[in-house]
């Protein structure tokens, strides 16, 4: 199929991350001929989501990728005398310091395979012996860490086609009680547990039930398709740029979203819920009546702070933390405002930045629910795929597992004129978008990258017990030591379609100061306890149990100036990978800026035309062919009915 690619396009996009996918969709929508390629076997790049076995395959693929030795490139024979080449890298060096730990009981047998798998999944992960403690699981080197993961499954992504399972989960979510009784439907008991349960009276079984529903590693493997694990952890601000773009372009019809249900804070060793809406404030039992009045008065001021410059002008040069101390707020309120609403730290933001962040938080409240945030069902990796679908609907061509060997530059004009792919085919184009990770060391020799520390955990319960076990929460844990950064924790329940019933998927993110494990493990130890088989008497007060953990560092290229790259022609545009911010505004701004450079006078991702309004001049047969090949395709590819984001005030009901 790749041998039959057209030899000329208007735009060639290399990499399927979110900025590249948005730009490709915008270009295709404006009538440009777009070729979108990725050397990986999945969409999204570092924005992707994986099933559990897919994640293990990704780790194995990364290990194999790190062993690649650059051979003498065959593409050199295709370069003419008046041309020069910019070689692209065959290695993905954006992920480092990968460490995987399994705390769940190791009862994995050779015949255990993922439900719906095409072949057996032989996976092995570092086991942590509970008696040796957490520190015994340290893996001394990156290569050794990676070699502990082995998986024969092909890389998988979001299981949108698993209609029966999604209906089943949605049904359980609606009933509520059925979700709490995860008994035999989702929890596979060992033989010894089954024997014990037969001899226990029904009345006793209700109190002992949490101890019996032990989740094993083989069960995680079996239910692996229930997991959709994001490489990058983000949320969507309900009035953010990405939501506005999804609505404007009508791409929102390809995805579904859930509202984040709780904003949490970690204070004095305890997790607490933060009241942020008016109803939350007045219903809160954590605040006194005086504190409620103080908080409402200050939040009202923040919504209109620009109209009252006298209130903050004198404090512009100090930090937001110091400013809050001047506002007659209790320490309790100062903590909530600083860490959970403005989501900053004592030293990171000045007064103006803090007021802007607080106003943005409040501005996003109420559009879709009682918190400012939305999360896409099946994970963040859905979003790049949604824009790729829009691009394909308007004629874009997609090739995964299709690598580009080099960019061909004309020596005289200093413009890039073509690419040479893995088959030696020369493909001509006017514009080239390249994701940062594809550039070689020669191109990036002067680039200074930041790093993001990431951790993904599978746990058996929420960090804060609530009325429902289907809570989606965000928690900020402030930095303790100087030189370290606050850690953002996002906890997802099974109704987000990102984990199996009876478990929670927890994402931890911060700007790196050391390796991911060194940065994040102290927070993991504060919030969770390693899974053990030992029965604990007072299990109600116990922290959530940690079943499985992954740590890794990811490159953050979001603040790299284009001038940092060596000798890039003006028609080569660079897309960065994910940044450390909570929202997606940087990706949308980047995509719009690049699009305006390629198509200066075109509208950025306008809504698609209504099929009934399309009038095509010329042959009627051409008209019929065009309508049948383009417009219905958008609907036929939609895997599931999506909640419309177009009427936000109604959809929250």
Foldseek 3Di string as FASTA:
>chain_A
DVVPDDQEWAEEEEALAQLSLLLLLQCLQQPGAYAYEYLAPDHHVQFFWFFPLLVLVVLLVLLVLVVDDDDDDPLVVVFDPQWDWFFWDSHQPFWFDKAKEFLFDPPDDQPQAAVVFPDRWDWFHHYDDVVVDDVVRDDDHGSRRSVRTDTPGHRDAQPLVPVVVLVVLVVCVVVQVNLVCCPPVQADFDPVLVVVVVPDDPVVCVVCVVLGRGHHPSSCRHNRNLAIGRSAAFWAFLPFPVLVLCQQLVLLQQFAKDDFDFFWEQDPLAIDTFQDDLVSLVPDPVDDPVLSVLLVVVLVCLLVVVVPCVLPVVQQPAALLVSVVVSPHDPVSSRCLDCGQLNAARPDGGNVSSSVSNNSFNVQAQLQHRGRTMAIFSGSNSNSVSSNLSSVLSPHHYYYSKAWGIFMARNPVLATFWTQIPVRRTHGYRFYEYEPSGGDCQQQVQWDWWKKKKKKFKWQADLDDDPGRQHWYWYWAADDDPPAGIKIKTKGASSSSRGGRRIIIIMIMDTDPDFNCVRCVVVCVSQEDADDSDDDDPCVPHHIYTRIMIIMMGIWCLPIDPVSTPSHGPRYHYDYHDHRDNHDNSSVVSSVVNSCVSVVPDDSSGYDDDLVPDDDDDDVVVVVVVSVSRDCSSVVPNSDGYQNSNRSNVNSD
